């Protein structure tokens, strides 16, 4: 689902690549992982941000934006 840092596949593209509907993809994903696609991506972004916060001197705003949050305040929400 994550192609490269900060770049994510759309559900339409991912479903199309596997010849299933978006609804089927979402149901299968939740069945396998226990969370929705969006919950998974949010957790992934939070983990990426947490690692960056620990390992760099980069500002929180920059880290939030690099992790895919459009608003740095969402990192704390």
N, C-alpha and C. Protein backbone atom coordinates (compact mmCIF):
# COMPACT_ATOMS: atom_id res chain seq x y z
N UNK A 1 0.81 -1.19 0.00
CA UNK A 1 0.00 0.00 0.00
C UNK A 1 0.85 1.26 0.00
N UNK A 2 2.01 1.16 0.57
CA UNK A 2 2.91 2.30 0.57
C UNK A 2 3.96 2.04 -0.49
N UNK A 3 3.97 2.89 -1.52
CA UNK A 3 4.92 2.70 -2.61
C UNK A 3 6.30 3.20 -2.23
N UNK A 4 6.36 4.40 -1.72
CA UNK A 4 7.59 4.99 -1.23
C UNK A 4 7.18 5.99 -0.16
N UNK A 5 8.12 6.46 0.60
CA UNK A 5 7.80 7.35 1.71
C UNK A 5 6.92 8.51 1.25
N UNK A 6 5.76 8.64 1.89
CA UNK A 6 4.85 9.73 1.57
C UNK A 6 3.99 9.50 0.34
N UNK A 7 4.10 8.32 -0.27
CA UNK A 7 3.33 8.03 -1.47
C UNK A 7 2.51 6.76 -1.23
N UNK A 8 1.21 6.88 -1.38
CA UNK A 8 0.31 5.78 -1.09
C UNK A 8 -0.52 5.42 -2.31
N UNK A 9 -0.78 4.12 -2.49
CA UNK A 9 -1.65 3.66 -3.55
C UNK A 9 -3.09 4.00 -3.22
N UNK A 10 -3.88 4.32 -4.22
CA UNK A 10 -5.30 4.55 -3.98
C UNK A 10 -5.99 3.18 -3.84
N UNK A 11 -7.11 3.17 -3.15
CA UNK A 11 -7.86 1.92 -3.01
C UNK A 11 -8.35 1.44 -4.37
N UNK A 12 -8.74 2.38 -5.24
CA UNK A 12 -9.18 2.01 -6.59
C UNK A 12 -8.07 1.28 -7.34
N UNK A 13 -6.86 1.81 -7.28
CA UNK A 13 -5.73 1.20 -7.98
C UNK A 13 -5.40 -0.16 -7.38
N UNK A 14 -5.35 -0.23 -6.07
CA UNK A 14 -5.03 -1.49 -5.40
C UNK A 14 -6.08 -2.56 -5.71
N UNK A 15 -7.34 -2.19 -5.64
CA UNK A 15 -8.42 -3.14 -5.95
C UNK A 15 -8.34 -3.56 -7.41
N UNK A 16 -8.14 -2.59 -8.30
CA UNK A 16 -8.04 -2.90 -9.72
C UNK A 16 -6.89 -3.83 -10.04
N UNK A 17 -5.75 -3.62 -9.37
CA UNK A 17 -4.58 -4.48 -9.59
C UNK A 17 -4.87 -5.94 -9.23
N UNK A 18 -5.83 -6.15 -8.32
CA UNK A 18 -6.16 -7.50 -7.86
C UNK A 18 -7.51 -7.98 -8.39
N UNK A 19 -8.09 -7.19 -9.30
CA UNK A 19 -9.35 -7.55 -9.97
C UNK A 19 -10.49 -7.81 -8.99
N UNK A 20 -10.57 -6.95 -7.98
CA UNK A 20 -11.69 -7.00 -7.03
C UNK A 20 -12.23 -5.59 -6.85
N UNK A 21 -13.41 -5.49 -6.26
CA UNK A 21 -13.98 -4.17 -6.01
C UNK A 21 -13.34 -3.55 -4.77
N UNK A 22 -13.48 -2.25 -4.64
CA UNK A 22 -12.97 -1.55 -3.46
C UNK A 22 -13.64 -2.10 -2.20
N UNK A 23 -14.94 -2.36 -2.29
CA UNK A 23 -15.67 -2.91 -1.14
C UNK A 23 -15.10 -4.26 -0.72
N UNK A 24 -14.83 -5.11 -1.71
CA UNK A 24 -14.23 -6.42 -1.40
C UNK A 24 -12.86 -6.25 -0.76
N UNK A 25 -12.08 -5.34 -1.31
CA UNK A 25 -10.75 -5.07 -0.76
C UNK A 25 -10.85 -4.64 0.69
N UNK A 26 -11.75 -3.71 0.98
CA UNK A 26 -11.89 -3.21 2.34
C UNK A 26 -12.32 -4.32 3.30
N UNK A 27 -13.26 -5.14 2.88
CA UNK A 27 -13.73 -6.25 3.73
C UNK A 27 -12.62 -7.27 3.97
N UNK A 28 -11.90 -7.62 2.91
CA UNK A 28 -10.83 -8.60 3.05
C UNK A 28 -9.71 -8.05 3.94
N UNK A 29 -9.37 -6.79 3.76
CA UNK A 29 -8.31 -6.17 4.54
C UNK A 29 -8.67 -6.21 6.03
N UNK A 30 -9.89 -5.79 6.34
CA UNK A 30 -10.32 -5.76 7.74
C UNK A 30 -10.36 -7.17 8.32
N UNK A 31 -10.78 -8.12 7.52
CA UNK A 31 -10.82 -9.51 7.97
C UNK A 31 -9.42 -10.03 8.29
N UNK A 32 -8.45 -9.67 7.47
CA UNK A 32 -7.08 -10.13 7.68
C UNK A 32 -6.34 -9.40 8.79
N UNK A 33 -6.50 -8.08 8.83
CA UNK A 33 -5.70 -7.26 9.73
C UNK A 33 -6.45 -6.73 10.95
N UNK A 34 -7.77 -6.86 10.95
CA UNK A 34 -8.55 -6.43 12.10
C UNK A 34 -8.80 -4.94 12.20
N UNK A 35 -8.34 -4.20 11.21
CA UNK A 35 -8.56 -2.75 11.16
C UNK A 35 -8.87 -2.36 9.72
N UNK A 36 -9.45 -1.19 9.54
CA UNK A 36 -9.72 -0.72 8.19
C UNK A 36 -8.42 -0.27 7.53
N UNK A 37 -8.46 -0.12 6.21
CA UNK A 37 -7.30 0.35 5.47
C UNK A 37 -6.85 1.70 6.02
N UNK A 38 -7.81 2.59 6.26
CA UNK A 38 -7.46 3.93 6.74
C UNK A 38 -6.88 3.91 8.15
N UNK A 39 -7.39 3.03 9.01
CA UNK A 39 -6.81 2.90 10.35
C UNK A 39 -5.37 2.39 10.25
N UNK A 40 -5.15 1.43 9.36
CA UNK A 40 -3.81 0.88 9.17
C UNK A 40 -2.85 1.97 8.71
N UNK A 41 -3.26 2.75 7.71
CA UNK A 41 -2.40 3.81 7.19
C UNK A 41 -2.13 4.87 8.24
N UNK A 42 -3.13 5.20 9.04
CA UNK A 42 -2.93 6.20 10.10
C UNK A 42 -1.90 5.70 11.10
N UNK A 43 -2.03 4.45 11.51
CA UNK A 43 -1.06 3.87 12.44
C UNK A 43 0.34 3.83 11.82
N UNK A 44 0.40 3.48 10.55
CA UNK A 44 1.69 3.45 9.85
C UNK A 44 2.33 4.84 9.86
N UNK A 45 1.54 5.85 9.53
CA UNK A 45 2.05 7.22 9.52
C UNK A 45 2.50 7.66 10.91
N UNK A 46 1.73 7.29 11.94
CA UNK A 46 2.10 7.65 13.31
C UNK A 46 3.42 6.98 13.70
N UNK A 47 3.59 5.73 13.32
CA UNK A 47 4.83 5.02 13.64
C UNK A 47 6.02 5.66 12.92
N UNK A 48 5.83 6.00 11.64
CA UNK A 48 6.89 6.67 10.89
C UNK A 48 7.26 7.99 11.55
N UNK A 49 6.27 8.74 11.96
CA UNK A 49 6.52 10.03 12.61
C UNK A 49 7.23 9.83 13.95
N UNK A 50 6.81 8.84 14.71
CA UNK A 50 7.44 8.58 16.01
C UNK A 50 8.92 8.26 15.86
N UNK A 51 9.26 7.43 14.89
CA UNK A 51 10.65 7.08 14.63
C UNK A 51 11.44 8.33 14.24
N UNK A 52 10.85 9.13 13.36
CA UNK A 52 11.54 10.36 12.91
C UNK A 52 11.74 11.33 14.07
N UNK A 53 10.76 11.43 14.95
CA UNK A 53 10.89 12.32 16.11
C UNK A 53 12.03 11.89 17.02
N UNK A 54 12.20 10.59 17.17
CA UNK A 54 13.25 10.07 18.04
C UNK A 54 14.64 10.17 17.41
N UNK A 55 14.71 10.07 16.09
CA UNK A 55 16.00 9.95 15.42
C UNK A 55 16.50 11.21 14.74
N UNK A 56 15.72 12.27 14.73
CA UNK A 56 16.18 13.44 13.98
C UNK A 56 15.93 14.73 14.76
N UNK A 57 16.51 15.77 14.25
CA UNK A 57 16.34 17.10 14.82
C UNK A 57 15.31 17.90 14.00
N UNK A 58 14.64 17.23 13.10
CA UNK A 58 13.65 17.87 12.23
C UNK A 58 12.46 18.34 13.07
N UNK A 59 11.86 19.44 12.66
CA UNK A 59 10.73 19.99 13.40
C UNK A 59 9.52 19.05 13.33
N UNK A 60 8.68 19.14 14.33
CA UNK A 60 7.46 18.33 14.37
C UNK A 60 6.60 18.60 13.15
N UNK A 61 6.51 19.86 12.75
CA UNK A 61 5.71 20.22 11.58
C UNK A 61 6.22 19.50 10.34
N UNK A 62 7.53 19.53 10.12
CA UNK A 62 8.11 18.87 8.95
C UNK A 62 7.90 17.36 9.00
N UNK A 63 8.08 16.79 10.16
CA UNK A 63 7.90 15.34 10.32
C UNK A 63 6.46 14.96 10.04
N UNK A 64 5.52 15.73 10.56
CA UNK A 64 4.11 15.45 10.33
C UNK A 64 3.78 15.49 8.84
N UNK A 65 4.28 16.50 8.16
CA UNK A 65 4.02 16.62 6.72
C UNK A 65 4.68 15.49 5.94
N UNK A 66 5.91 15.12 6.31
CA UNK A 66 6.60 14.02 5.64
C UNK A 66 5.90 12.68 5.86
N UNK A 67 5.24 12.53 7.00
CA UNK A 67 4.53 11.29 7.31
C UNK A 67 3.17 11.22 6.63
N UNK A 68 2.78 12.30 5.96
CA UNK A 68 1.52 12.26 5.22
C UNK A 68 0.36 12.97 5.88
N UNK A 69 0.62 13.64 6.99
CA UNK A 69 -0.44 14.40 7.65
C UNK A 69 -0.53 15.77 6.98
N UNK A 70 -1.71 16.15 6.51
CA UNK A 70 -1.86 17.43 5.83
C UNK A 70 -1.84 18.59 6.82
N UNK A 71 -2.14 18.30 8.08
CA UNK A 71 -2.15 19.31 9.13
C UNK A 71 -1.33 18.76 10.30
N UNK A 72 -0.26 19.43 10.70
CA UNK A 72 0.57 18.90 11.80
C UNK A 72 -0.20 18.65 13.10
N UNK A 73 -1.28 19.37 13.30
CA UNK A 73 -2.09 19.14 14.51
C UNK A 73 -2.70 17.75 14.52
N UNK A 74 -2.88 17.14 13.35
CA UNK A 74 -3.45 15.80 13.26
C UNK A 74 -2.50 14.75 13.85
N UNK A 75 -1.24 15.08 13.92
CA UNK A 75 -0.26 14.16 14.49
C UNK A 75 -0.54 13.96 15.98
N UNK A 76 -1.03 14.97 16.64
CA UNK A 76 -1.31 14.89 18.08
C UNK A 76 -2.73 14.43 18.37
N UNK A 77 -3.59 14.43 17.37
CA UNK A 77 -5.01 14.09 17.59
C UNK A 77 -5.22 12.61 17.76
